[in-house]
Amino acid sequence: MVIDSRTNQKVDFQKAVAVTATGIAEKVKGAEKNHLLKLYLLKHPHLKRFVTSPSCALLRVKVDTYYVVRRFQKVMALDMIE
């Protein structure tokens, strides 16, 4: 999973930050899915039709490593240890 702060502007080369999370994704099912969807919809009620559609899945990611990249050259790896 990748999350970044780019704005497609020239300043991104100096100020953008990206975080990549690597790990194992699995589908959430049953009572846990219902509980998590309820929490999600408290914050995003306008997405109810989308998240309850049969083609939508709720995923959990067990992150092994986060990679943080700043200024397109500074890379830091954060290993998650149990």
N, C-alpha and C. Protein backbone atom coordinates (compact mmCIF):
# COMPACT_ATOMS: atom_id res chain seq x y z
N MET A 1 0.85 -1.14 0.00
CA MET A 1 0.00 0.00 0.00
C MET A 1 0.91 1.22 0.00
N VAL A 2 0.58 2.20 -0.83
CA VAL A 2 1.38 3.43 -0.93
C VAL A 2 0.49 4.63 -0.64
N ILE A 3 0.99 5.50 0.21
CA ILE A 3 0.31 6.77 0.51
C ILE A 3 1.34 7.86 0.33
N ASP A 4 0.96 8.93 -0.38
CA ASP A 4 1.92 10.02 -0.55
C ASP A 4 1.24 11.37 -0.51
N SER A 5 2.06 12.41 -0.43
CA SER A 5 1.54 13.78 -0.32
C SER A 5 1.75 14.60 -1.58
N ARG A 6 2.01 13.93 -2.70
CA ARG A 6 2.27 14.68 -3.94
C ARG A 6 1.06 15.51 -4.35
N THR A 7 1.37 16.66 -4.97
CA THR A 7 0.32 17.55 -5.49
C THR A 7 0.52 17.80 -6.98
N ASN A 8 1.47 17.06 -7.57
CA ASN A 8 1.81 17.24 -8.99
C ASN A 8 2.31 18.66 -9.28
N GLN A 9 3.07 19.18 -8.34
CA GLN A 9 3.68 20.49 -8.48
C GLN A 9 5.20 20.32 -8.42
N LYS A 10 5.91 21.31 -8.91
CA LYS A 10 7.38 21.29 -8.91
C LYS A 10 7.95 21.12 -7.49
N VAL A 11 7.27 21.69 -6.51
CA VAL A 11 7.72 21.65 -5.12
C VAL A 11 7.73 20.21 -4.57
N ASP A 12 7.04 19.30 -5.20
CA ASP A 12 7.01 17.91 -4.74
C ASP A 12 8.40 17.29 -4.63
N PHE A 13 9.32 17.68 -5.48
CA PHE A 13 10.66 17.11 -5.44
C PHE A 13 11.36 17.40 -4.11
N GLN A 14 10.99 18.47 -3.44
CA GLN A 14 11.60 18.82 -2.17
C GLN A 14 10.72 18.50 -0.97
N LYS A 15 9.40 18.52 -1.14
CA LYS A 15 8.52 18.43 0.02
C LYS A 15 7.65 17.18 0.09
N ALA A 16 7.51 16.45 -0.98
CA ALA A 16 6.62 15.29 -0.96
C ALA A 16 7.18 14.19 -0.06
N VAL A 17 6.28 13.47 0.57
CA VAL A 17 6.61 12.32 1.41
C VAL A 17 5.75 11.15 0.96
N ALA A 18 6.36 9.97 0.87
CA ALA A 18 5.63 8.76 0.51
C ALA A 18 5.91 7.69 1.54
N VAL A 19 4.87 6.94 1.88
CA VAL A 19 5.01 5.81 2.80
C VAL A 19 4.47 4.58 2.09
N THR A 20 5.29 3.54 2.03
CA THR A 20 4.87 2.26 1.47
C THR A 20 4.82 1.26 2.60
N ALA A 21 3.70 0.57 2.73
CA ALA A 21 3.56 -0.49 3.73
C ALA A 21 3.52 -1.82 2.99
N THR A 22 4.42 -2.73 3.37
CA THR A 22 4.43 -4.06 2.76
C THR A 22 4.03 -5.08 3.81
N GLY A 23 3.34 -6.11 3.37
CA GLY A 23 2.90 -7.15 4.30
C GLY A 23 1.90 -8.08 3.67
N ILE A 24 1.07 -8.67 4.49
CA ILE A 24 0.07 -9.64 4.05
C ILE A 24 -1.32 -9.04 4.22
N ALA A 25 -2.11 -9.06 3.15
CA ALA A 25 -3.49 -8.59 3.20
C ALA A 25 -4.42 -9.78 3.25
N GLU A 26 -5.48 -9.64 4.05
CA GLU A 26 -6.49 -10.69 4.11
C GLU A 26 -7.87 -10.06 4.21
N LYS A 27 -8.84 -10.76 3.70
CA LYS A 27 -10.22 -10.30 3.71
C LYS A 27 -10.80 -10.47 5.11
N VAL A 28 -11.46 -9.43 5.61
CA VAL A 28 -12.12 -9.49 6.92
C VAL A 28 -13.54 -10.01 6.70
N LYS A 29 -13.96 -10.94 7.55
CA LYS A 29 -15.27 -11.58 7.37
C LYS A 29 -16.07 -11.61 8.66
N GLY A 30 -17.34 -11.97 8.52
CA GLY A 30 -18.21 -12.24 9.66
C GLY A 30 -18.48 -11.07 10.57
N ALA A 31 -18.55 -11.38 11.88
CA ALA A 31 -18.89 -10.38 12.89
C ALA A 31 -17.85 -9.26 12.94
N GLU A 32 -16.59 -9.61 12.73
CA GLU A 32 -15.55 -8.58 12.75
C GLU A 32 -15.76 -7.59 11.62
N LYS A 33 -16.10 -8.09 10.44
CA LYS A 33 -16.37 -7.20 9.29
C LYS A 33 -17.53 -6.27 9.62
N ASN A 34 -18.61 -6.81 10.17
CA ASN A 34 -19.77 -5.99 10.50
C ASN A 34 -19.41 -4.90 11.51
N HIS A 35 -18.61 -5.26 12.51
CA HIS A 35 -18.18 -4.29 13.52
C HIS A 35 -17.33 -3.17 12.88
N LEU A 36 -16.36 -3.57 12.07
CA LEU A 36 -15.48 -2.57 11.45
C LEU A 36 -16.23 -1.69 10.45
N LEU A 37 -17.15 -2.27 9.70
CA LEU A 37 -17.94 -1.46 8.77
C LEU A 37 -18.81 -0.45 9.52
N LYS A 38 -19.33 -0.84 10.65
CA LYS A 38 -20.13 0.08 11.45
C LYS A 38 -19.28 1.28 11.89
N LEU A 39 -18.06 1.01 12.35
CA LEU A 39 -17.16 2.09 12.73
C LEU A 39 -16.80 2.98 11.54
N TYR A 40 -16.53 2.35 10.42
CA TYR A 40 -16.17 3.09 9.20
C TYR A 40 -17.32 4.01 8.78
N LEU A 41 -18.54 3.47 8.82
CA LEU A 41 -19.69 4.25 8.36
C LEU A 41 -20.07 5.38 9.32
N LEU A 42 -19.62 5.30 10.56
CA LEU A 42 -19.83 6.44 11.46
C LEU A 42 -19.08 7.66 10.96
N LYS A 43 -17.92 7.43 10.34
CA LYS A 43 -17.11 8.53 9.81
C LYS A 43 -17.45 8.87 8.36
N HIS A 44 -17.92 7.87 7.61
CA HIS A 44 -18.17 8.07 6.18
C HIS A 44 -19.54 7.52 5.78
N PRO A 45 -20.63 8.06 6.34
CA PRO A 45 -21.96 7.52 6.05
C PRO A 45 -22.34 7.62 4.58
N HIS A 46 -21.78 8.56 3.85
CA HIS A 46 -22.09 8.74 2.44
C HIS A 46 -21.55 7.59 1.57
N LEU A 47 -20.69 6.73 2.13
CA LEU A 47 -20.12 5.62 1.37
C LEU A 47 -20.83 4.29 1.63
N LYS A 48 -21.96 4.32 2.32
CA LYS A 48 -22.66 3.07 2.69
C LYS A 48 -22.97 2.21 1.48
N ARG A 49 -23.51 2.78 0.45
CA ARG A 49 -23.87 2.00 -0.75
C ARG A 49 -22.63 1.33 -1.36
N PHE A 50 -21.52 2.04 -1.37
CA PHE A 50 -20.29 1.51 -1.93
C PHE A 50 -19.74 0.36 -1.09
N VAL A 51 -19.56 0.57 0.23
CA VAL A 51 -18.91 -0.44 1.06
C VAL A 51 -19.78 -1.66 1.34
N THR A 52 -21.07 -1.56 1.11
CA THR A 52 -21.94 -2.71 1.32
C THR A 52 -22.27 -3.44 0.02
N SER A 53 -21.72 -2.99 -1.08
CA SER A 53 -21.98 -3.67 -2.36
C SER A 53 -21.26 -5.03 -2.38
N PRO A 54 -21.81 -6.02 -3.09
CA PRO A 54 -21.20 -7.35 -3.13
C PRO A 54 -19.79 -7.37 -3.72
N SER A 55 -19.44 -6.39 -4.52
CA SER A 55 -18.12 -6.38 -5.16
C SER A 55 -17.05 -5.68 -4.32
N CYS A 56 -17.42 -5.21 -3.13
CA CYS A 56 -16.48 -4.51 -2.25
C CYS A 56 -16.04 -5.44 -1.12
N ALA A 57 -14.75 -5.43 -0.82
CA ALA A 57 -14.21 -6.25 0.27
C ALA A 57 -13.50 -5.36 1.27
N LEU A 58 -13.55 -5.74 2.53
CA LEU A 58 -12.81 -5.05 3.58
C LEU A 58 -11.55 -5.85 3.84
N LEU A 59 -10.41 -5.19 3.75
CA LEU A 59 -9.12 -5.87 3.90
C LEU A 59 -8.38 -5.39 5.14
N ARG A 60 -7.64 -6.30 5.74
CA ARG A 60 -6.74 -5.99 6.84
C ARG A 60 -5.33 -6.26 6.33
N VAL A 61 -4.42 -5.36 6.61
CA VAL A 61 -3.03 -5.55 6.20
C VAL A 61 -2.17 -5.71 7.45
N LYS A 62 -1.50 -6.85 7.56
CA LYS A 62 -0.51 -7.06 8.62
C LYS A 62 0.82 -6.57 8.06
N VAL A 63 1.23 -5.40 8.51
CA VAL A 63 2.40 -4.74 7.93
C VAL A 63 3.69 -5.36 8.47
N ASP A 64 4.58 -5.70 7.55
CA ASP A 64 5.92 -6.18 7.89
C ASP A 64 6.91 -5.02 7.97
N THR A 65 6.84 -4.14 6.96
CA THR A 65 7.80 -3.03 6.88
C THR A 65 7.12 -1.79 6.31
N TYR A 66 7.46 -0.64 6.88
CA TYR A 66 7.09 0.66 6.33
C TYR A 66 8.34 1.26 5.71
N TYR A 67 8.22 1.79 4.50
CA TYR A 67 9.30 2.52 3.85
C TYR A 67 8.85 3.97 3.73
N VAL A 68 9.61 4.87 4.32
CA VAL A 68 9.29 6.30 4.27
C VAL A 68 10.31 6.97 3.36
N VAL A 69 9.81 7.68 2.34
CA VAL A 69 10.70 8.36 1.39
C VAL A 69 10.40 9.85 1.44
N ARG A 70 11.45 10.62 1.69
CA ARG A 70 11.34 12.08 1.69
C ARG A 70 12.33 12.64 0.68
N ARG A 71 11.96 13.71 0.06
CA ARG A 71 12.83 14.42 -0.89
C ARG A 71 13.33 13.49 -2.00
N PHE A 72 12.60 12.43 -2.27
CA PHE A 72 12.89 11.47 -3.34
C PHE A 72 14.24 10.77 -3.20
N GLN A 73 14.95 10.99 -2.10
CA GLN A 73 16.25 10.35 -1.92
C GLN A 73 16.45 9.80 -0.51
N LYS A 74 15.79 10.35 0.45
CA LYS A 74 15.97 9.92 1.83
C LYS A 74 14.97 8.81 2.14
N VAL A 75 15.50 7.60 2.31
CA VAL A 75 14.66 6.43 2.53
C VAL A 75 14.94 5.86 3.92
N MET A 76 13.87 5.57 4.63
CA MET A 76 13.99 4.96 5.94
C MET A 76 13.08 3.74 5.98
N ALA A 77 13.58 2.60 6.43
CA ALA A 77 12.78 1.38 6.58
C ALA A 77 12.49 1.16 8.05
N LEU A 78 11.24 0.89 8.36
CA LEU A 78 10.82 0.60 9.74
C LEU A 78 10.25 -0.81 9.76
N ASP A 79 10.98 -1.74 10.34
CA ASP A 79 10.52 -3.13 10.42
C ASP A 79 9.63 -3.29 11.65
N MET A 80 8.49 -3.91 11.46
CA MET A 80 7.56 -4.16 12.55
C MET A 80 7.90 -5.53 13.15
N ILE A 81 8.21 -5.56 14.41
CA ILE A 81 8.59 -6.80 15.09
C ILE A 81 7.50 -7.14 16.09
N GLU A 82 7.07 -8.39 16.08
CA GLU A 82 6.04 -8.83 17.03
C GLU A 82 6.63 -9.10 18.38
